[in-house]
Amino acid sequence: MPRTDREKRTQAPDPLAETARRRPGWWGRLRERWTDDRPLQHIQVEVTSHCPGACCYCPRAIHAGTWRARHMADSTFAALWPLMRRSRRIHLQGWGEPLLHPRFLDYVALARDAGCAVSSTTCGLRMDEALAEGIVRSGMDILAFSLAGTDEAGNAARRHVPFARVEQAVACLQTVRRRLRRDGPRVHLAYLLLAGNEESARRLPELMREWDVPVCVVSTLDMPVLPEHRRLAFAPEETEKIAAARALLEEIAVRAAADGRRIRYGLPQARPIHACREAIDKSCYVDADGCISPCIYVNVPCAQPSATASPWVFGRLPHDDALDVWQRPEFADFRGDLSHDAPPPPCLRCPKRYESFV
């Protein structure tokens, strides 16, 4: 039933709506186009660490007993506003399934108000026609669907995420896009190439054609959680294993290009490339608790809450000002050390320092 005037007055203010009122007017937006003062390439935001999947390689499934599943609070996302205003893109995805957050579309809207391009990566299980319409109307420019194979057997490592359900989710979004006559969001594939499952990737060009997907980004397992998972990864010293995978990826990239589609991929090389594929100097990661870190790999929510006091957490929203955290000397030093080939301890053997993307 409708709320009374008194109920409306006593209702707690919505932090997202309150923050959205700070968006610039037309003159401010025009001035921004000329100044282009956005030093951050992107901010990765974990809106939730809940996930219906149980992928065999994922820390969530392996550390289920200590996993901290939580949604980001609206006040936390709203507090990111000063930093969003300095970033070109917001990528709404962390260690969980982002579409499970009840206010996912509202978060997209606030990021768009901040002048950011918005993207996300999903397993597809939450997708239905109503959500697809909301996503299409939201102004997001990219939604990637994650896979580890091109059929049910190849995708088996992604437990509780049937390949057929991902196919249905992609078809649902594409159907709604056509019905509404919208160009966006562009549908991408985020494909995890697991060692020993390379042959499943051979069908990627055909799958992209069937699903009308223009871009597929192929990555590898960068953080094996258990010793037995190392066989699924590609270590820099495994030169023959990497060479075989590279030959396959080169072949399918050529076939996809002949069809007007693009397959991008990254594999490690023997020596560090003196950079980080996560673009640490121009990005940061914010977890569902509001903790700001250099990247997702140094902030895994599988420990007790005291883990937020980690030396690789440089501030926490909404207690700290997001822009101030980015500018703190200790955070700047972390980024500077990495860019000057003096990697901090968590980066010493990180595969991201050995990978270059094609």
Protein backbone atom coordinates (compact mmCIF):
# COMPACT_ATOMS: atom_id res chain seq x y z
CA MET A 1 0.00 0.00 0.00
CA PRO A 2 1.19 3.60 -0.60
CA ARG A 3 3.42 5.11 2.07
CA THR A 4 2.05 7.99 4.14
CA ASP A 5 3.80 11.39 4.07
CA ARG A 6 5.16 10.70 7.54
CA GLU A 7 6.62 7.37 6.44
CA LYS A 8 8.24 9.07 3.45
CA ARG A 9 9.81 11.69 5.72
CA THR A 10 11.15 9.15 8.21
CA GLN A 11 12.49 6.69 5.63
CA ALA A 12 16.30 6.58 5.58
CA PRO A 13 17.73 8.39 2.53
CA ASP A 14 19.03 6.25 -0.30
CA PRO A 15 22.82 6.85 -0.51
CA LEU A 16 22.80 6.08 -4.23
CA ALA A 17 20.11 8.67 -4.96
CA GLU A 18 21.80 11.21 -2.69
CA THR A 19 25.12 10.73 -4.49
CA ALA A 20 23.54 10.83 -7.96
CA ARG A 21 22.44 14.41 -7.25
CA ARG A 22 26.12 15.35 -7.43
CA ARG A 23 26.40 14.44 -11.10
CA PRO A 24 27.56 17.35 -13.28
CA GLY A 25 25.18 19.31 -15.47
CA TRP A 26 25.56 19.74 -19.20
CA TRP A 27 28.25 22.44 -18.82
CA GLY A 28 30.25 20.24 -16.46
CA ARG A 29 30.03 17.31 -18.85
CA LEU A 30 31.15 19.48 -21.76
CA ARG A 31 34.11 20.78 -19.76
CA GLU A 32 35.11 17.22 -18.84
CA ARG A 33 35.30 16.29 -22.51
CA TRP A 34 37.88 19.00 -22.99
CA THR A 35 39.94 18.39 -19.83
CA ASP A 36 39.77 14.56 -19.85
CA ASP A 37 41.03 14.43 -16.26
CA ARG A 38 40.60 10.72 -15.52
CA PRO A 39 43.92 9.13 -14.55
CA LEU A 40 42.42 5.74 -13.71
CA GLN A 41 41.85 3.31 -16.55
CA HIS A 42 39.36 1.30 -14.51
CA ILE A 43 38.13 0.36 -11.05
CA GLN A 44 37.14 -3.26 -10.45
CA VAL A 45 34.34 -3.45 -7.89
CA GLU A 46 33.24 -6.64 -6.15
CA VAL A 47 29.54 -5.92 -5.64
CA THR A 48 29.08 -9.37 -4.09
CA SER A 49 31.07 -12.49 -3.15
CA HIS A 50 27.97 -14.71 -3.28
CA CYS A 51 27.94 -17.19 -6.17
CA PRO A 52 25.74 -20.16 -7.13
CA GLY A 53 28.64 -21.88 -8.86
CA ALA A 54 31.30 -24.16 -7.38
CA CYS A 55 34.05 -24.15 -10.00
CA CYS A 56 36.69 -26.73 -9.10
CA TYR A 57 39.54 -24.21 -9.24
CA CYS A 58 37.81 -21.33 -7.43
CA PRO A 59 38.82 -20.34 -3.86
CA ARG A 60 35.14 -19.98 -2.98
CA ALA A 61 34.49 -23.70 -3.51
CA ILE A 62 37.79 -24.79 -1.97
CA HIS A 63 37.56 -22.59 1.13
CA ALA A 64 33.81 -22.83 1.59
CA GLY A 65 34.17 -23.10 5.37
CA THR A 66 35.90 -19.73 5.72
CA TRP A 67 34.43 -17.92 2.72
CA ARG A 68 32.92 -14.53 3.54
CA ALA A 69 29.87 -14.26 1.29
CA ARG A 70 28.39 -10.76 1.44
CA HIS A 71 26.79 -8.07 -0.72
CA MET A 72 28.32 -4.61 -0.95
CA ALA A 73 26.37 -2.00 1.03
CA ASP A 74 24.84 0.88 -0.91
CA SER A 75 26.68 3.40 1.26
CA THR A 76 29.98 1.73 0.35
CA PHE A 77 29.35 1.95 -3.38
CA ALA A 78 28.16 5.54 -3.05
CA ALA A 79 31.39 6.42 -1.20
CA LEU A 80 33.34 5.37 -4.29
CA TRP A 81 31.95 8.40 -6.16
CA PRO A 82 35.06 10.68 -5.88
CA LEU A 83 37.24 7.96 -7.39
CA MET A 84 34.66 6.98 -10.02
CA ARG A 85 34.75 10.59 -11.18
CA ARG A 86 38.46 10.07 -11.92
CA SER A 87 38.09 6.71 -13.69
CA ARG A 88 37.20 5.83 -17.27
CA ARG A 89 35.55 2.49 -16.52
CA ILE A 90 33.89 0.62 -13.67
CA HIS A 91 33.97 -3.17 -13.94
CA LEU A 92 31.38 -4.64 -11.59
CA GLN A 93 32.77 -8.07 -10.78
CA GLY A 94 34.90 -9.69 -8.12
CA TRP A 95 34.93 -13.12 -6.44
CA GLY A 96 31.16 -13.59 -6.81
CA GLU A 97 28.33 -13.46 -9.34
CA PRO A 98 27.56 -9.73 -9.74
CA LEU A 99 24.01 -10.14 -11.04
CA LEU A 100 23.01 -11.59 -7.66
CA HIS A 101 23.28 -8.15 -6.05
CA PRO A 102 19.71 -6.83 -5.64
CA ARG A 103 20.75 -3.32 -6.73
CA PHE A 104 23.13 -4.22 -9.54
CA LEU A 105 21.32 -2.01 -12.05
CA ASP A 106 21.25 0.90 -9.61
CA TYR A 107 25.03 0.58 -9.25
CA VAL A 108 25.34 0.66 -13.03
CA ALA A 109 23.23 3.83 -13.10
CA LEU A 110 25.40 5.60 -10.51
CA ALA A 111 28.61 4.65 -12.32
CA ARG A 112 27.12 5.99 -15.54
CA ASP A 113 26.18 9.22 -13.71
CA ALA A 114 29.85 9.48 -12.73
CA GLY A 115 30.73 9.48 -16.43
CA CYS A 116 32.18 5.96 -16.51
CA ALA A 117 31.80 3.19 -19.04
CA VAL A 118 30.40 0.14 -17.20
CA SER A 119 31.05 -3.54 -17.79
CA SER A 120 30.66 -6.82 -15.92
CA THR A 121 31.33 -10.54 -16.17
CA THR A 122 28.63 -13.09 -15.34
CA CYS A 123 28.14 -16.85 -15.23
CA GLY A 124 24.65 -16.29 -16.68
CA LEU A 125 22.63 -18.26 -14.11
CA ARG A 126 20.68 -15.22 -12.94
CA MET A 127 19.71 -14.04 -16.42
CA ASP A 128 16.04 -13.81 -17.38
CA GLU A 129 14.08 -11.57 -19.75
CA ALA A 130 13.30 -8.88 -17.16
CA LEU A 131 16.93 -8.60 -16.06
CA ALA A 132 18.11 -8.68 -19.67
CA GLU A 133 15.84 -5.73 -20.49
CA GLY A 134 17.18 -3.80 -17.50
CA ILE A 135 20.76 -4.48 -18.59
CA VAL A 136 20.08 -3.45 -22.18
CA ARG A 137 18.44 -0.20 -21.06
CA SER A 138 21.13 0.52 -18.45
CA GLY A 139 23.79 1.85 -20.81
CA MET A 140 26.37 -0.83 -20.00
CA ASP A 141 28.73 -1.26 -22.93
CA ILE A 142 30.06 -4.79 -22.27
CA LEU A 143 28.68 -7.90 -20.56
CA ALA A 144 30.98 -10.92 -20.70
CA PHE A 145 29.83 -14.48 -20.09
CA SER A 146 32.37 -16.81 -18.48
CA LEU A 147 33.16 -20.27 -19.85
CA ALA A 148 35.85 -22.94 -19.52
CA GLY A 149 34.73 -25.06 -22.47
CA THR A 150 32.66 -24.96 -25.64
CA ASP A 151 30.27 -27.76 -24.74
CA GLU A 152 28.90 -29.46 -21.64
CA ALA A 153 31.87 -31.79 -21.21
CA GLY A 154 34.48 -29.10 -21.83
CA ASN A 155 32.82 -26.76 -19.36
CA ALA A 156 32.56 -29.41 -16.62
CA ALA A 157 35.12 -27.68 -14.37
CA ARG A 158 32.53 -24.95 -13.81
CA ARG A 159 30.40 -27.05 -11.48
CA HIS A 160 26.75 -25.97 -11.03
CA VAL A 161 27.04 -23.76 -14.13
CA PRO A 162 25.72 -25.89 -17.01
CA PHE A 163 26.91 -24.93 -20.47
CA ALA A 164 23.32 -25.06 -21.72
CA ARG A 165 22.26 -22.47 -19.15
CA VAL A 166 25.01 -20.07 -20.30
CA GLU A 167 23.83 -20.58 -23.88
CA GLN A 168 20.26 -19.72 -22.84
CA ALA A 169 21.44 -16.60 -20.99
CA VAL A 170 23.37 -15.30 -24.01
CA ALA A 171 20.40 -16.01 -26.29
CA CYS A 172 18.06 -14.21 -23.88
CA LEU A 173 20.20 -11.07 -23.82
CA GLN A 174 20.70 -11.08 -27.59
CA THR A 175 16.96 -11.49 -28.18
CA VAL A 176 16.14 -8.54 -25.93
CA ARG A 177 18.80 -6.38 -27.61
CA ARG A 178 17.26 -7.07 -31.01
CA ARG A 179 13.72 -6.45 -29.76
CA LEU A 180 14.71 -3.11 -28.25
CA ARG A 181 16.93 -2.28 -31.24
CA ARG A 182 19.91 -1.46 -29.04
CA ASP A 183 23.59 -1.87 -29.87
CA GLY A 184 24.65 -2.50 -26.27
CA PRO A 185 25.81 -4.05 -24.24
CA ARG A 186 28.23 -5.86 -26.49
CA VAL A 187 28.28 -9.54 -25.57
CA HIS A 188 31.78 -10.94 -24.96
CA LEU A 189 33.06 -14.31 -23.80
CA ALA A 190 35.52 -14.57 -20.91
CA TYR A 191 37.09 -17.96 -21.61
CA LEU A 192 39.34 -19.75 -19.12
CA LEU A 193 41.83 -22.01 -20.89
CA LEU A 194 42.68 -24.87 -18.54
CA ALA A 195 45.71 -26.97 -19.34
CA GLY A 196 44.57 -30.40 -20.47
CA ASN A 197 41.33 -28.96 -21.88
CA GLU A 198 42.84 -27.12 -24.84
CA GLU A 199 40.93 -29.06 -27.49
CA SER A 200 37.61 -27.70 -26.26
CA ALA A 201 38.82 -24.22 -27.19
CA ARG A 202 39.26 -25.26 -30.81
CA ARG A 203 35.53 -24.71 -31.40
CA LEU A 204 35.53 -21.12 -30.11
CA PRO A 205 35.24 -19.47 -33.57
CA GLU A 206 32.17 -21.56 -34.38
CA LEU A 207 30.64 -20.89 -30.97
CA MET A 208 31.17 -17.15 -31.38
CA ARG A 209 29.39 -17.29 -34.73
CA GLU A 210 26.48 -19.31 -33.33
CA TRP A 211 26.03 -16.94 -30.36
CA ASP A 212 26.83 -13.79 -32.39
CA VAL A 213 29.70 -12.81 -30.08
CA PRO A 214 32.26 -10.37 -31.56
CA VAL A 215 35.03 -10.73 -28.93
CA CYS A 216 36.38 -13.56 -26.78
CA VAL A 217 39.12 -12.93 -24.20
CA VAL A 218 41.05 -16.10 -23.32
CA SER A 219 42.90 -16.18 -20.01
CA THR A 220 44.60 -18.90 -17.97
CA LEU A 221 44.43 -20.01 -14.34
CA ASP A 222 46.50 -17.33 -12.62
CA MET A 223 45.98 -18.42 -9.02
CA PRO A 224 46.07 -22.20 -8.45
CA VAL A 225 44.72 -22.61 -4.92
CA LEU A 226 45.71 -26.23 -4.33
CA PRO A 227 48.94 -27.97 -5.44
CA GLU A 228 46.98 -30.30 -7.71
CA HIS A 229 45.58 -27.29 -9.58
CA ARG A 230 49.01 -26.35 -10.88
CA ARG A 231 48.55 -28.89 -13.66
CA LEU A 232 45.60 -26.77 -14.88
CA ALA A 233 47.75 -23.64 -15.09
CA PHE A 234 50.57 -22.55 -17.41
CA ALA A 235 53.72 -21.74 -15.44
CA PRO A 236 56.37 -19.54 -17.15
CA GLU A 237 58.92 -22.37 -17.16
CA GLU A 238 56.54 -24.81 -18.93
CA THR A 239 57.74 -23.75 -22.37
CA GLU A 240 56.55 -26.76 -24.40
CA LYS A 241 53.12 -26.69 -22.80
CA ILE A 242 52.83 -22.96 -23.50
CA ALA A 243 54.07 -23.32 -27.08
CA ALA A 244 51.39 -25.90 -27.87
CA ALA A 245 48.67 -23.70 -26.36
CA ARG A 246 49.98 -20.67 -28.26
CA ALA A 247 49.85 -22.54 -31.58
CA LEU A 248 46.23 -23.50 -30.91
CA LEU A 249 45.24 -19.98 -29.91
CA GLU A 250 46.96 -18.47 -32.94
CA GLU A 251 45.04 -20.87 -35.18
CA ILE A 252 41.61 -20.14 -33.74
CA ALA A 253 42.31 -16.39 -33.63
CA VAL A 254 42.97 -16.46 -37.39
CA ARG A 255 39.77 -18.42 -38.02
CA ALA A 256 37.74 -16.02 -35.89
CA ALA A 257 39.27 -13.01 -37.66
CA ALA A 258 38.23 -14.44 -41.03
CA ASP A 259 34.66 -14.27 -39.73
CA GLY A 260 35.05 -10.67 -38.52
CA ARG A 261 35.44 -11.68 -34.86
CA ARG A 262 38.33 -11.31 -32.45
CA ILE A 263 39.97 -13.71 -30.01
CA ARG A 264 42.39 -12.06 -27.59
CA TYR A 265 44.63 -14.21 -25.41
CA GLY A 266 47.47 -14.05 -22.95
CA LEU A 267 50.06 -16.68 -22.09
CA PRO A 268 53.09 -16.41 -19.82
CA GLN A 269 56.60 -16.11 -21.17
CA ALA A 270 59.84 -17.25 -19.56
CA ARG A 271 60.79 -13.85 -18.13
CA PRO A 272 58.76 -11.06 -16.54
CA ILE A 273 57.59 -8.37 -18.94
CA HIS A 274 58.38 -5.59 -16.41
CA ALA A 275 54.73 -4.66 -16.23
CA CYS A 276 51.47 -6.01 -14.84
CA ARG A 277 48.61 -7.14 -17.04
CA GLU A 278 46.21 -5.78 -14.41
CA ALA A 279 47.45 -2.25 -15.18
CA ILE A 280 48.09 -1.59 -11.47
CA ASP A 281 49.44 1.89 -12.17
CA LYS A 282 46.04 2.93 -13.56
CA SER A 283 43.54 0.82 -11.64
CA CYS A 284 42.47 -0.56 -8.27
CA TYR A 285 40.16 -3.15 -6.73
CA VAL A 286 37.40 -2.54 -4.20
CA ASP A 287 35.94 -5.57 -2.39
CA ALA A 288 32.41 -5.98 -1.06
CA ASP A 289 33.49 -4.65 2.36
CA GLY A 290 34.87 -1.49 0.74
CA CYS A 291 38.53 -2.46 1.17
CA ILE A 292 40.71 -0.87 -1.54
CA SER A 293 43.58 -2.99 -2.87
CA PRO A 294 45.83 -2.98 -5.93
CA CYS A 295 44.08 -6.00 -7.46
CA ILE A 296 41.71 -8.89 -6.82
CA TYR A 297 44.53 -11.40 -6.26
CA VAL A 298 45.77 -9.80 -3.03
CA ASN A 299 42.28 -9.64 -1.49
CA VAL A 300 40.51 -13.01 -1.42
CA PRO A 301 37.58 -13.19 1.06
CA CYS A 302 38.38 -16.65 2.43
CA ALA A 303 39.80 -15.62 5.82
CA GLN A 304 38.44 -14.10 8.99
CA PRO A 305 37.31 -10.44 8.92
CA SER A 306 40.63 -9.39 10.51
CA ALA A 307 42.18 -10.09 7.12
CA THR A 308 40.96 -6.65 6.04
CA ALA A 309 43.90 -5.29 8.03
CA SER A 310 46.22 -6.83 5.42
CA PRO A 311 49.16 -4.63 4.32
CA TRP A 312 47.77 -4.85 0.79
CA VAL A 313 44.57 -3.03 1.83
CA PHE A 314 45.24 0.71 1.67
CA GLY A 315 41.89 2.03 2.89
CA ARG A 316 38.28 1.14 3.49
CA LEU A 317 35.03 2.74 2.39
CA PRO A 318 32.99 4.53 3.56
CA HIS A 319 35.33 5.38 6.47
CA ASP A 320 38.08 6.65 4.17
CA ASP A 321 37.79 9.01 1.23
CA ALA A 322 38.27 6.94 -1.94
CA LEU A 323 40.31 9.55 -3.80
CA ASP A 324 42.48 10.13 -0.75
CA VAL A 325 43.23 6.39 -0.56
CA TRP A 326 44.33 6.33 -4.19
CA GLN A 327 46.68 9.26 -3.56
CA ARG A 328 48.20 7.97 -0.30
CA PRO A 329 52.02 7.70 -0.45
CA GLU A 330 52.06 4.03 0.53
CA PHE A 331 49.65 3.13 -2.28
CA ALA A 332 51.59 5.27 -4.75
CA ASP A 333 54.81 3.56 -3.63
CA PHE A 334 53.27 0.13 -4.27
CA ARG A 335 52.34 1.13 -7.80
CA GLY A 336 55.68 2.84 -8.37
CA ASP A 337 57.72 -0.14 -7.19
CA LEU A 338 55.88 -2.43 -9.58
CA SER A 339 56.25 -0.09 -12.55
CA HIS A 340 59.98 0.32 -11.83
CA ASP A 341 60.58 -3.45 -11.79
CA ALA A 342 60.92 -3.68 -8.02
CA PRO A 343 57.81 -5.77 -7.39
CA PRO A 344 56.30 -5.86 -3.90
CA PRO A 345 56.23 -9.33 -2.22
CA PRO A 346 52.78 -10.48 -3.49
CA CYS A 347 53.78 -9.66 -7.07
CA LEU A 348 57.13 -11.46 -7.23
CA ARG A 349 55.84 -14.67 -8.83
CA CYS A 350 52.42 -13.51 -9.97
CA PRO A 351 51.71 -14.83 -13.49
CA LYS A 352 50.29 -11.42 -14.46
CA ARG A 353 53.88 -10.14 -14.60
CA TYR A 354 54.77 -12.78 -17.19
CA GLU A 355 51.80 -12.40 -19.51
CA SER A 356 51.30 -10.20 -22.52
CA PHE A 357 48.03 -10.07 -24.43
CA VAL A 358 47.60 -10.47 -28.17
